[in-house]
């Protein structure tokens, strides 16, 4: 069982930056690929970024490529999402999710989910 808790969301102006964190419980964190998804009001949950168990491989949605960076610290059981050059269209609830298989990008394929953290980007 893995429990995930996101933090770091908030209100930021367009062009600004935020760093999200996702803290995981359990001693098996390093065996999981970690993912970030987001869901804007009235829209489906969409893939944002993924990182494999070691941190050696990452994948990004085209909409965030070059602006967001996913990373992990297995010693701290934490995965991060550094978001820069934020746009109003990045406004959403951001969720981290875990799955042992990498890469998979569909929400239905994730095994564990956090409860999300809200990011609001003002224009």
C-alpha atoms as a PDB file:
ATOM      1  CA  UNK A   1       0.000   0.000   0.000  1.00  0.00           C
ATOM      2  CA  UNK A   2       1.282   3.444  -0.926  1.00  0.00           C
ATOM      3  CA  UNK A   3      -0.239   6.671   0.324  1.00  0.00           C
ATOM      4  CA  UNK A   4       0.466   9.861  -1.581  1.00  0.00           C
ATOM      5  CA  UNK A   5       0.106  13.427  -0.335  1.00  0.00           C
ATOM      6  CA  UNK A   6       0.584  16.390  -2.645  1.00  0.00           C
ATOM      7  CA  UNK A   7       1.551  19.890  -1.547  1.00  0.00           C
ATOM      8  CA  UNK A   8       2.826  23.153  -2.993  1.00  0.00           C
ATOM      9  CA  UNK A   9      -0.175  24.339  -4.929  1.00  0.00           C
ATOM     10  CA  UNK A  10      -1.404  27.909  -4.802  1.00  0.00           C
ATOM     11  CA  UNK A  11      -2.131  31.086  -6.722  1.00  0.00           C
ATOM     12  CA  UNK A  12       0.532  32.418  -9.067  1.00  0.00           C
ATOM     13  CA  UNK A  13       0.625  34.988 -11.838  1.00  0.00           C
ATOM     14  CA  UNK A  14       1.146  33.982 -15.434  1.00  0.00           C
ATOM     15  CA  UNK A  15       4.841  33.568 -16.132  1.00  0.00           C
ATOM     16  CA  UNK A  16       5.550  32.546 -12.569  1.00  0.00           C
ATOM     17  CA  UNK A  17       6.771  29.297 -11.059  1.00  0.00           C
ATOM     18  CA  UNK A  18       5.658  26.740  -8.499  1.00  0.00           C
ATOM     19  CA  UNK A  19       7.099  23.507  -7.233  1.00  0.00           C
ATOM     20  CA  UNK A  20       4.740  20.717  -6.305  1.00  0.00           C
ATOM     21  CA  UNK A  21       5.758  17.889  -4.016  1.00  0.00           C
ATOM     22  CA  UNK A  22       4.262  14.468  -3.525  1.00  0.00           C
ATOM     23  CA  UNK A  23       5.291  12.605  -0.398  1.00  0.00           C
ATOM     24  CA  UNK A  24       4.819   8.859  -0.361  1.00  0.00           C
ATOM     25  CA  UNK A  25       4.488   6.484   2.537  1.00  0.00           C
ATOM     26  CA  UNK A  26       5.930   3.014   2.566  1.00  0.00           C
ATOM     27  CA  UNK A  27       9.315   1.473   1.975  1.00  0.00           C
ATOM     28  CA  UNK A  28       8.615   0.508  -1.625  1.00  0.00           C
ATOM     29  CA  UNK A  29       8.542   4.016  -3.098  1.00  0.00           C
ATOM     30  CA  UNK A  30      11.686   3.429  -5.130  1.00  0.00           C
ATOM     31  CA  UNK A  31      10.039   0.538  -6.973  1.00  0.00           C
ATOM     32  CA  UNK A  32       7.270   2.737  -8.387  1.00  0.00           C
ATOM     33  CA  UNK A  33       7.179   4.916 -11.434  1.00  0.00           C
ATOM     34  CA  UNK A  34       5.622   8.219 -10.444  1.00  0.00           C
ATOM     35  CA  UNK A  35       3.301  10.380 -12.460  1.00  0.00           C
ATOM     36  CA  UNK A  36       1.657  13.769 -12.352  1.00  0.00           C
ATOM     37  CA  UNK A  37      -1.807  14.336 -13.773  1.00  0.00           C
ATOM     38  CA  UNK A  38      -4.047  17.363 -13.732  1.00  0.00           C
ATOM     39  CA  UNK A  39      -7.721  18.039 -14.031  1.00  0.00           C
ATOM     40  CA  UNK A  40      -9.220  21.397 -14.886  1.00  0.00           C
ATOM     41  CA  UNK A  41     -12.857  22.178 -14.065  1.00  0.00           C
ATOM     42  CA  UNK A  42     -15.176  20.479 -16.523  1.00  0.00           C
ATOM     43  CA  UNK A  43     -12.359  18.562 -18.188  1.00  0.00           C
ATOM     44  CA  UNK A  44     -11.009  15.059 -18.017  1.00  0.00           C
ATOM     45  CA  UNK A  45      -7.927  14.191 -16.026  1.00  0.00           C
ATOM     46  CA  UNK A  46      -4.864  14.416 -18.244  1.00  0.00           C
ATOM     47  CA  UNK A  47      -1.298  13.192 -18.096  1.00  0.00           C
ATOM     48  CA  UNK A  48       1.376  15.774 -17.306  1.00  0.00           C
ATOM     49  CA  UNK A  49       4.658  14.008 -16.565  1.00  0.00           C
ATOM     50  CA  UNK A  50       6.142  10.678 -15.537  1.00  0.00           C
ATOM     51  CA  UNK A  51       9.429   9.465 -14.092  1.00  0.00           C
ATOM     52  CA  UNK A  52      10.735   5.933 -13.801  1.00  0.00           C
ATOM     53  CA  UNK A  53      11.817   4.302 -10.554  1.00  0.00           C
ATOM     54  CA  UNK A  54      15.412   5.508 -10.701  1.00  0.00           C
ATOM     55  CA  UNK A  55      14.749   8.968 -12.086  1.00  0.00           C
ATOM     56  CA  UNK A  56      16.748   8.142 -15.173  1.00  0.00           C
ATOM     57  CA  UNK A  57      13.864   8.423 -17.583  1.00  0.00           C
ATOM     58  CA  UNK A  58      11.151  11.059 -17.840  1.00  0.00           C
ATOM     59  CA  UNK A  59       8.225  11.743 -20.141  1.00  0.00           C
ATOM     60  CA  UNK A  60       6.160  14.891 -20.579  1.00  0.00           C
ATOM     61  CA  UNK A  61       2.933  15.919 -22.200  1.00  0.00           C
ATOM     62  CA  UNK A  62       3.537  18.192 -25.174  1.00  0.00           C
ATOM     63  CA  UNK A  63       1.644  20.984 -23.446  1.00  0.00           C
ATOM     64  CA  UNK A  64       4.205  21.221 -20.632  1.00  0.00           C
ATOM     65  CA  UNK A  65       7.413  20.120 -22.346  1.00  0.00           C
ATOM     66  CA  UNK A  66      10.180  22.637 -21.775  1.00  0.00           C
ATOM     67  CA  UNK A  67       8.306  24.332 -18.925  1.00  0.00           C
ATOM     68  CA  UNK A  68       7.809  21.568 -16.336  1.00  0.00           C
ATOM     69  CA  UNK A  69      10.389  19.239 -14.816  1.00  0.00           C
ATOM     70  CA  UNK A  70       9.631  16.077 -12.887  1.00  0.00           C
ATOM     71  CA  UNK A  71      12.186  14.700 -10.462  1.00  0.00           C
ATOM     72  CA  UNK A  72      12.344  12.378  -7.484  1.00  0.00           C
ATOM     73  CA  UNK A  73      14.318  11.813  -4.314  1.00  0.00           C
ATOM     74  CA  UNK A  74      14.014   8.182  -3.303  1.00  0.00           C
ATOM     75  CA  UNK A  75      15.779   8.823  -0.008  1.00  0.00           C
ATOM     76  CA  UNK A  76      12.960  11.219   0.888  1.00  0.00           C
ATOM     77  CA  UNK A  77      10.154   9.220  -0.738  1.00  0.00           C
ATOM     78  CA  UNK A  78       9.189  12.326  -2.660  1.00  0.00           C
ATOM     79  CA  UNK A  79       8.509  13.262  -6.261  1.00  0.00           C
ATOM     80  CA  UNK A  80       8.506  16.855  -7.450  1.00  0.00           C
ATOM     81  CA  UNK A  81       7.033  18.835 -10.294  1.00  0.00           C
ATOM     82  CA  UNK A  82       8.828  22.108 -10.989  1.00  0.00           C
ATOM     83  CA  UNK A  83       6.553  24.310 -13.040  1.00  0.00           C
ATOM     84  CA  UNK A  84       7.843  27.414 -14.795  1.00  0.00           C
ATOM     85  CA  UNK A  85       6.453  29.904 -17.298  1.00  0.00           C
ATOM     86  CA  UNK A  86       3.003  29.083 -16.021  1.00  0.00           C
ATOM     87  CA  UNK A  87      -0.017  29.917 -18.149  1.00  0.00           C
ATOM     88  CA  UNK A  88      -3.667  30.407 -17.188  1.00  0.00           C
ATOM     89  CA  UNK A  89      -4.433  27.151 -18.997  1.00  0.00           C
ATOM     90  CA  UNK A  90      -2.241  25.323 -16.461  1.00  0.00           C
ATOM     91  CA  UNK A  91      -4.895  26.039 -13.828  1.00  0.00           C
ATOM     92  CA  UNK A  92      -6.061  22.692 -12.473  1.00  0.00           C
ATOM     93  CA  UNK A  93      -5.968  20.296  -9.583  1.00  0.00           C
ATOM     94  CA  UNK A  94      -2.684  18.402  -9.799  1.00  0.00           C
ATOM     95  CA  UNK A  95      -2.478  14.787  -8.707  1.00  0.00           C
ATOM     96  CA  UNK A  96       0.417  12.425  -8.262  1.00  0.00           C
ATOM     97  CA  UNK A  97      -0.052   8.764  -9.003  1.00  0.00           C
ATOM     98  CA  UNK A  98       2.032   5.620  -8.707  1.00  0.00           C
ATOM     99  CA  UNK A  99       2.357   2.510 -10.806  1.00  0.00           C
ATOM    100  CA  UNK A 100       5.133  -0.044 -10.970  1.00  0.00           C
ATOM    101  CA  UNK A 101       5.120  -0.055 -14.757  1.00  0.00           C
ATOM    102  CA  UNK A 102       6.769   2.728 -16.789  1.00  0.00           C
ATOM    103  CA  UNK A 103       5.781   4.299 -19.010  1.00  0.00           C
ATOM    104  CA  UNK A 104       2.028   4.272 -18.770  1.00  0.00           C
ATOM    105  CA  UNK A 105       0.041   7.460 -19.145  1.00  0.00           C
ATOM    106  CA  UNK A 106      -3.605   6.616 -18.754  1.00  0.00           C
ATOM    107  CA  UNK A 107      -5.292   7.540 -15.471  1.00  0.00           C
ATOM    108  CA  UNK A 108      -7.015   4.160 -15.423  1.00  0.00           C
ATOM    109  CA  UNK A 109      -3.612   2.451 -15.334  1.00  0.00           C
ATOM    110  CA  UNK A 110      -2.496   4.108 -12.123  1.00  0.00           C
ATOM    111  CA  UNK A 111      -2.597   2.055  -8.942  1.00  0.00           C
ATOM    112  CA  UNK A 112      -2.360   4.730  -6.246  1.00  0.00           C
ATOM    113  CA  UNK A 113      -3.506   8.346  -6.210  1.00  0.00           C
ATOM    114  CA  UNK A 114      -3.083  11.341  -4.004  1.00  0.00           C
ATOM    115  CA  UNK A 115      -5.941  13.722  -3.268  1.00  0.00           C
ATOM    116  CA  UNK A 116      -4.517  16.573  -5.283  1.00  0.00           C
ATOM    117  CA  UNK A 117      -3.323  20.123  -4.850  1.00  0.00           C
ATOM    118  CA  UNK A 118      -4.855  23.117  -6.596  1.00  0.00           C
ATOM    119  CA  UNK A 119      -2.852  25.371  -8.875  1.00  0.00           C
ATOM    120  CA  UNK A 120      -4.399  28.620 -10.061  1.00  0.00           C
ATOM    121  CA  UNK A 121      -2.621  30.789 -12.609  1.00  0.00           C
ATOM    122  CA  UNK A 122      -3.954  34.293 -13.006  1.00  0.00           C
ATOM    123  CA  UNK A 123      -3.578  36.293 -16.205  1.00  0.00           C
END
